[in-house]
Protein backbone atom coordinates (compact mmCIF):
# COMPACT_ATOMS: atom_id res chain seq x y z
CA MET A 1 72.95 92.06 200.97
CA SER A 2 70.35 94.34 201.74
CA ASP A 3 70.18 97.81 199.92
CA THR A 4 68.47 99.46 202.68
CA PRO A 5 70.65 102.29 204.22
CA ASP A 6 71.41 102.32 207.63
CA PRO A 7 69.16 104.11 209.91
CA THR A 8 70.34 107.75 210.66
CA PRO A 9 71.78 107.86 214.01
CA CYS A 10 69.74 110.05 216.67
CA LEU A 11 71.61 113.41 217.00
CA GLU A 12 69.70 114.09 220.35
CA THR A 13 70.74 111.06 221.82
CA LEU A 14 74.33 111.56 220.96
CA LEU A 15 74.38 114.93 222.35
CA SER A 16 72.55 114.13 225.44
CA ARG A 17 75.37 111.47 226.19
CA TRP A 18 77.86 114.25 225.76
CA GLY A 19 75.84 116.53 228.07
CA ARG A 20 75.31 118.90 225.42
CA ALA A 21 71.49 118.43 224.35
CA ASP A 22 71.40 122.24 224.72
CA ALA A 23 73.39 122.35 221.42
CA LEU A 24 70.82 120.35 219.28
CA PRO A 25 69.40 123.52 217.52
CA ALA A 26 72.70 124.77 216.52
CA ILE A 27 73.93 121.22 215.11
CA GLU A 28 70.81 119.62 213.71
CA PRO A 29 70.17 121.43 210.67
CA GLY A 30 71.69 119.11 207.73
CA TRP A 31 72.26 115.97 209.97
CA VAL A 32 69.87 113.89 208.13
CA GLU A 33 71.68 114.98 204.74
CA SER A 34 75.16 114.11 206.31
CA ALA A 35 73.74 110.71 207.32
CA ARG A 36 72.53 110.11 203.71
CA GLU A 37 75.77 110.64 201.86
CA PRO A 38 77.03 106.67 202.08
CA SER A 39 79.22 107.07 199.14
CA PHE A 40 81.40 109.79 200.55
CA SER A 41 82.99 110.21 204.03
CA ALA A 42 85.12 113.11 205.05
CA LEU A 43 87.16 110.53 207.30
CA PRO A 44 90.52 110.63 205.83
CA LEU A 45 92.17 107.23 204.78
CA PRO A 46 95.01 106.31 207.35
CA ASP A 47 97.85 106.82 204.98
CA GLU A 48 96.59 110.48 204.22
CA ILE A 49 96.80 111.50 207.95
CA GLY A 50 100.52 111.25 208.07
CA GLU A 51 101.14 112.95 204.70
CA SER A 52 98.60 115.94 205.45
CA LEU A 53 100.33 116.39 208.85
CA ALA A 54 103.90 116.57 206.87
CA PHE A 55 102.29 118.82 204.28
CA CYS A 56 101.13 121.32 207.14
CA GLY A 57 104.48 121.31 209.03
CA MET A 58 103.53 118.86 211.75
CA GLY A 59 105.10 115.89 210.59
CA ASP A 60 107.33 115.89 213.74
CA SER A 61 104.37 116.77 216.09
CA GLY A 62 104.01 112.99 217.46
CA LEU A 63 100.25 113.33 216.60
CA GLU A 64 100.17 110.70 213.84
CA ALA A 65 99.73 107.44 216.05
CA PRO A 66 97.18 109.02 218.27
CA LEU A 67 95.24 110.50 215.26
CA LEU A 68 95.31 107.01 213.72
CA GLU A 69 93.62 105.67 216.82
CA ILE A 70 91.16 108.33 216.74
CA ARG A 71 90.21 107.51 213.24
CA GLU A 72 89.68 103.92 214.20
CA ALA A 73 87.61 104.91 216.89
CA LEU A 74 85.45 106.96 214.88
CA ALA A 75 85.08 104.36 212.03
CA ALA A 76 83.99 101.74 214.30
CA SER A 77 80.82 103.91 215.28
CA ARG A 78 78.37 104.79 212.54
CA ALA A 79 76.99 107.66 214.92
CA LEU A 80 80.42 109.17 215.35
CA THR A 81 81.35 108.79 211.42
CA VAL A 82 78.19 110.59 210.84
CA PHE A 83 79.00 113.38 213.41
CA PHE A 84 82.64 113.87 211.81
CA HIS A 85 81.05 113.86 208.28
CA HIS A 86 78.48 116.44 209.47
CA THR A 87 81.23 118.44 211.08
CA CYS A 88 83.25 118.65 208.18
CA ARG A 89 80.34 119.43 205.89
CA LYS A 90 79.12 122.30 208.25
CA ALA A 91 82.87 123.70 208.68
CA PHE A 92 84.03 123.77 205.01
CA LEU A 93 82.21 121.47 202.62
CA LEU A 94 78.96 123.60 202.48
CA ASP A 95 78.57 126.60 200.69
CA GLU A 96 76.82 128.44 203.44
CA PRO A 97 79.25 129.30 206.25
CA THR A 98 78.39 127.77 209.61
CA SER A 99 79.57 128.74 213.15
CA LEU A 100 80.84 125.75 215.07
CA VAL A 101 81.00 127.61 218.55
CA ALA A 102 78.12 125.24 219.95
CA TRP A 103 80.21 121.93 218.96
CA PRO A 104 80.94 120.06 221.98
CA GLU A 105 84.31 119.08 223.45
CA LEU A 106 84.18 115.28 223.03
CA THR A 107 85.60 114.44 226.36
CA VAL A 108 82.94 111.58 227.12
CA GLU A 109 84.47 109.71 224.16
CA PHE A 110 88.20 110.59 224.12
CA GLY A 111 89.01 112.35 227.31
CA ASP A 112 92.03 114.30 227.06
CA ARG A 113 92.14 113.45 223.45
CA CYS A 114 88.85 115.17 222.67
CA ARG A 115 90.06 117.70 220.42
CA LEU A 116 91.88 115.25 218.18
CA PRO A 117 88.77 114.45 216.13
CA TYR A 118 88.75 118.13 214.93
CA LEU A 119 92.22 118.33 214.14
CA LEU A 120 91.61 115.25 212.12
CA ALA A 121 88.56 117.19 210.54
CA ALA A 122 91.17 119.96 209.65
CA LEU A 123 93.53 117.57 208.22
CA ALA A 124 90.83 116.26 206.05
CA SER A 125 90.47 119.53 204.27
CA VAL A 126 94.19 119.48 203.30
CA PRO A 127 93.81 117.04 200.14
CA ILE A 128 90.66 119.19 199.03
CA THR A 129 92.79 122.29 199.41
CA ARG A 130 95.55 120.86 197.41
CA ARG A 131 93.41 119.78 194.58
CA ARG A 132 91.55 123.15 194.42
CA HIS A 133 94.94 125.11 194.28
CA ARG A 134 96.18 122.91 191.74
CA GLU A 135 93.18 123.68 189.64
CA LEU A 136 93.67 127.27 190.03
CA GLY A 137 97.18 127.13 189.31
CA ILE A 138 98.32 127.89 192.79
CA PRO A 139 102.11 127.08 193.30
CA GLU A 140 102.38 124.28 195.80
CA GLU A 141 104.76 126.22 198.04
CA VAL A 142 101.61 128.72 198.53
CA THR A 143 99.38 125.90 199.24
CA ARG A 144 101.80 124.61 201.65
CA ALA A 145 102.09 127.92 203.50
CA THR A 146 98.40 128.06 203.34
CA CYS A 147 97.72 125.05 205.16
CA ARG A 148 100.37 125.97 207.91
CA ASP A 149 97.35 127.55 209.43
CA ILE A 150 96.37 124.40 210.87
CA PRO A 151 99.36 124.09 213.27
CA ILE A 152 98.89 127.78 214.00
CA LYS A 153 95.17 127.16 214.83
CA GLU A 154 96.30 124.18 216.95
CA GLU A 155 98.94 126.24 218.99
CA ARG A 156 96.17 128.72 219.76
CA SER A 157 93.78 126.03 220.93
CA ARG A 158 96.53 124.71 223.31
CA MET A 159 97.14 128.28 224.47
CA ALA A 160 93.68 128.19 225.82
CA CYS A 161 93.88 124.64 227.02
CA PRO A 162 97.12 123.50 227.45
CA GLU A 163 96.44 119.96 228.54
CA TRP A 164 94.68 119.03 225.14
CA ARG A 165 96.29 118.64 221.77
CA GLY A 166 93.90 119.34 218.72
CA LEU A 167 91.89 121.92 217.63
CA ALA A 168 88.83 123.72 219.20
CA PRO A 169 85.93 123.12 216.98
CA ARG A 170 85.21 126.80 216.36
CA GLU A 171 88.56 127.02 214.72
CA LEU A 172 87.44 124.85 211.81
CA GLY A 173 85.42 127.54 209.83
CA TRP A 174 88.27 129.29 208.45
CA LEU A 175 89.28 126.45 206.40
CA ARG A 176 86.40 126.88 204.05
CA HIS A 177 88.58 129.62 202.61
CA HIS A 178 91.08 127.03 201.81
CA VAL A 179 89.18 124.45 200.22
CA ARG A 180 87.63 127.20 198.05
CA GLY A 181 91.00 128.59 197.18
CA SER A 182 89.75 132.09 198.56
CA ALA A 183 92.69 132.34 201.17
CA PHE A 184 96.30 132.40 200.34
CA THR A 185 99.40 132.80 202.60
CA LEU A 186 102.40 134.93 201.10
CA GLY A 187 105.13 135.38 203.31
CA ARG A 188 103.87 136.80 206.72
CA LEU A 189 100.73 137.71 205.20
CA GLN A 190 97.01 136.17 204.40
CA PHE A 191 95.27 137.35 201.33
CA LEU A 192 91.50 137.01 200.58
CA PRO A 193 90.77 138.35 197.07
CA THR A 194 87.41 139.73 197.25
CA PRO A 195 85.59 142.85 196.21
CA TRP A 196 86.62 145.83 198.16
CA ARG A 197 83.88 146.81 200.82
CA TRP A 198 85.57 148.54 203.41
CA ASN A 199 85.15 152.41 204.26
CA LEU A 200 88.45 153.22 202.62
CA THR A 201 89.60 154.87 199.13
CA ALA A 202 91.94 152.57 197.74
CA PHE A 203 94.62 153.26 194.83
CA THR A 204 97.33 151.00 193.23
CA ASP A 205 100.43 152.44 191.66
CA GLN A 206 101.40 149.27 189.37
CA SER A 207 104.46 151.14 188.22
CA ARG A 208 105.97 150.90 191.78
CA SER A 209 104.09 147.91 193.11
CA ARG A 210 102.49 150.00 195.64
CA PHE A 211 99.06 150.03 197.43
CA LEU A 212 97.56 153.15 199.24
CA ALA A 213 94.59 153.25 201.27
CA PHE A 214 92.97 156.68 202.45
CA LEU A 215 90.67 156.62 205.27
CA ALA A 216 87.48 158.06 205.03
CA ASP A 217 86.52 161.10 207.51
CA GLY A 218 86.09 160.29 211.09
CA GLU A 219 87.53 156.63 210.70
CA THR A 220 90.66 155.66 213.10
CA VAL A 221 93.72 153.22 212.77
CA THR A 222 96.40 152.32 215.09
CA ALA A 223 100.13 153.43 214.24
CA GLU A 224 100.51 149.92 212.42
CA GLY A 225 97.38 150.82 210.09
CA LEU A 226 95.30 148.61 211.78
CA LEU A 227 91.71 149.13 212.76
CA PRO A 228 91.77 150.23 216.36
CA ASN A 229 89.43 147.51 217.90
CA GLY A 230 88.63 149.87 220.94
CA GLU A 231 92.03 151.27 221.48
CA GLU A 232 92.29 154.74 222.70
CA GLY A 233 94.54 157.42 220.99
CA ALA A 234 94.28 156.02 217.35
CA PRO A 235 94.89 158.56 214.64
CA THR A 236 91.78 159.86 213.08
CA ALA A 237 91.28 160.96 209.53
């Protein structure tokens, strides 16, 4: 048996086949490195797919069988396996954030199942998130609630394109917060513990478990306390 690694698939050829040669500059950085990781592939094992679907609250979605078929198709092609692994690396495995807006819809390969590979990529993040949360001592119910971001993003993708199940590739980037343990869902809200960098003065009242934020002069918010995002009539500090 030869120890020579398999040749790196040509990304330009792959993108040209998909009619997206224009996306090469955005997708190419790190491609060779992704292809040179023979000891690790982000492609989840078959029995992990159903487990991760159930953990995310998608156990009754009817997607396990189609996702298993997508996994089999990806695993049968080195070029597609490397593309999948590269997608996961750029979305949530590498330290630097990467926008996946340029990533193609895989209609040439998978037809109306073209977004299922990206949902499979999202599910590949679930075991990593669960391990990281255990290391941090995060309760499993919080991890489970956090991973329910995935069906929420799947539903949002379907609202934009009802005939396709799965995720739009741009939805994957948020999952880097999951795998790093830097985002948690508690009740209706999601929290990112980060250094304060907003133009507000904030105080905590620990005796009454309250948090108060005061706007700087000239700043505006909506009646719900949110940034106005161009809305008129928001109150001004």
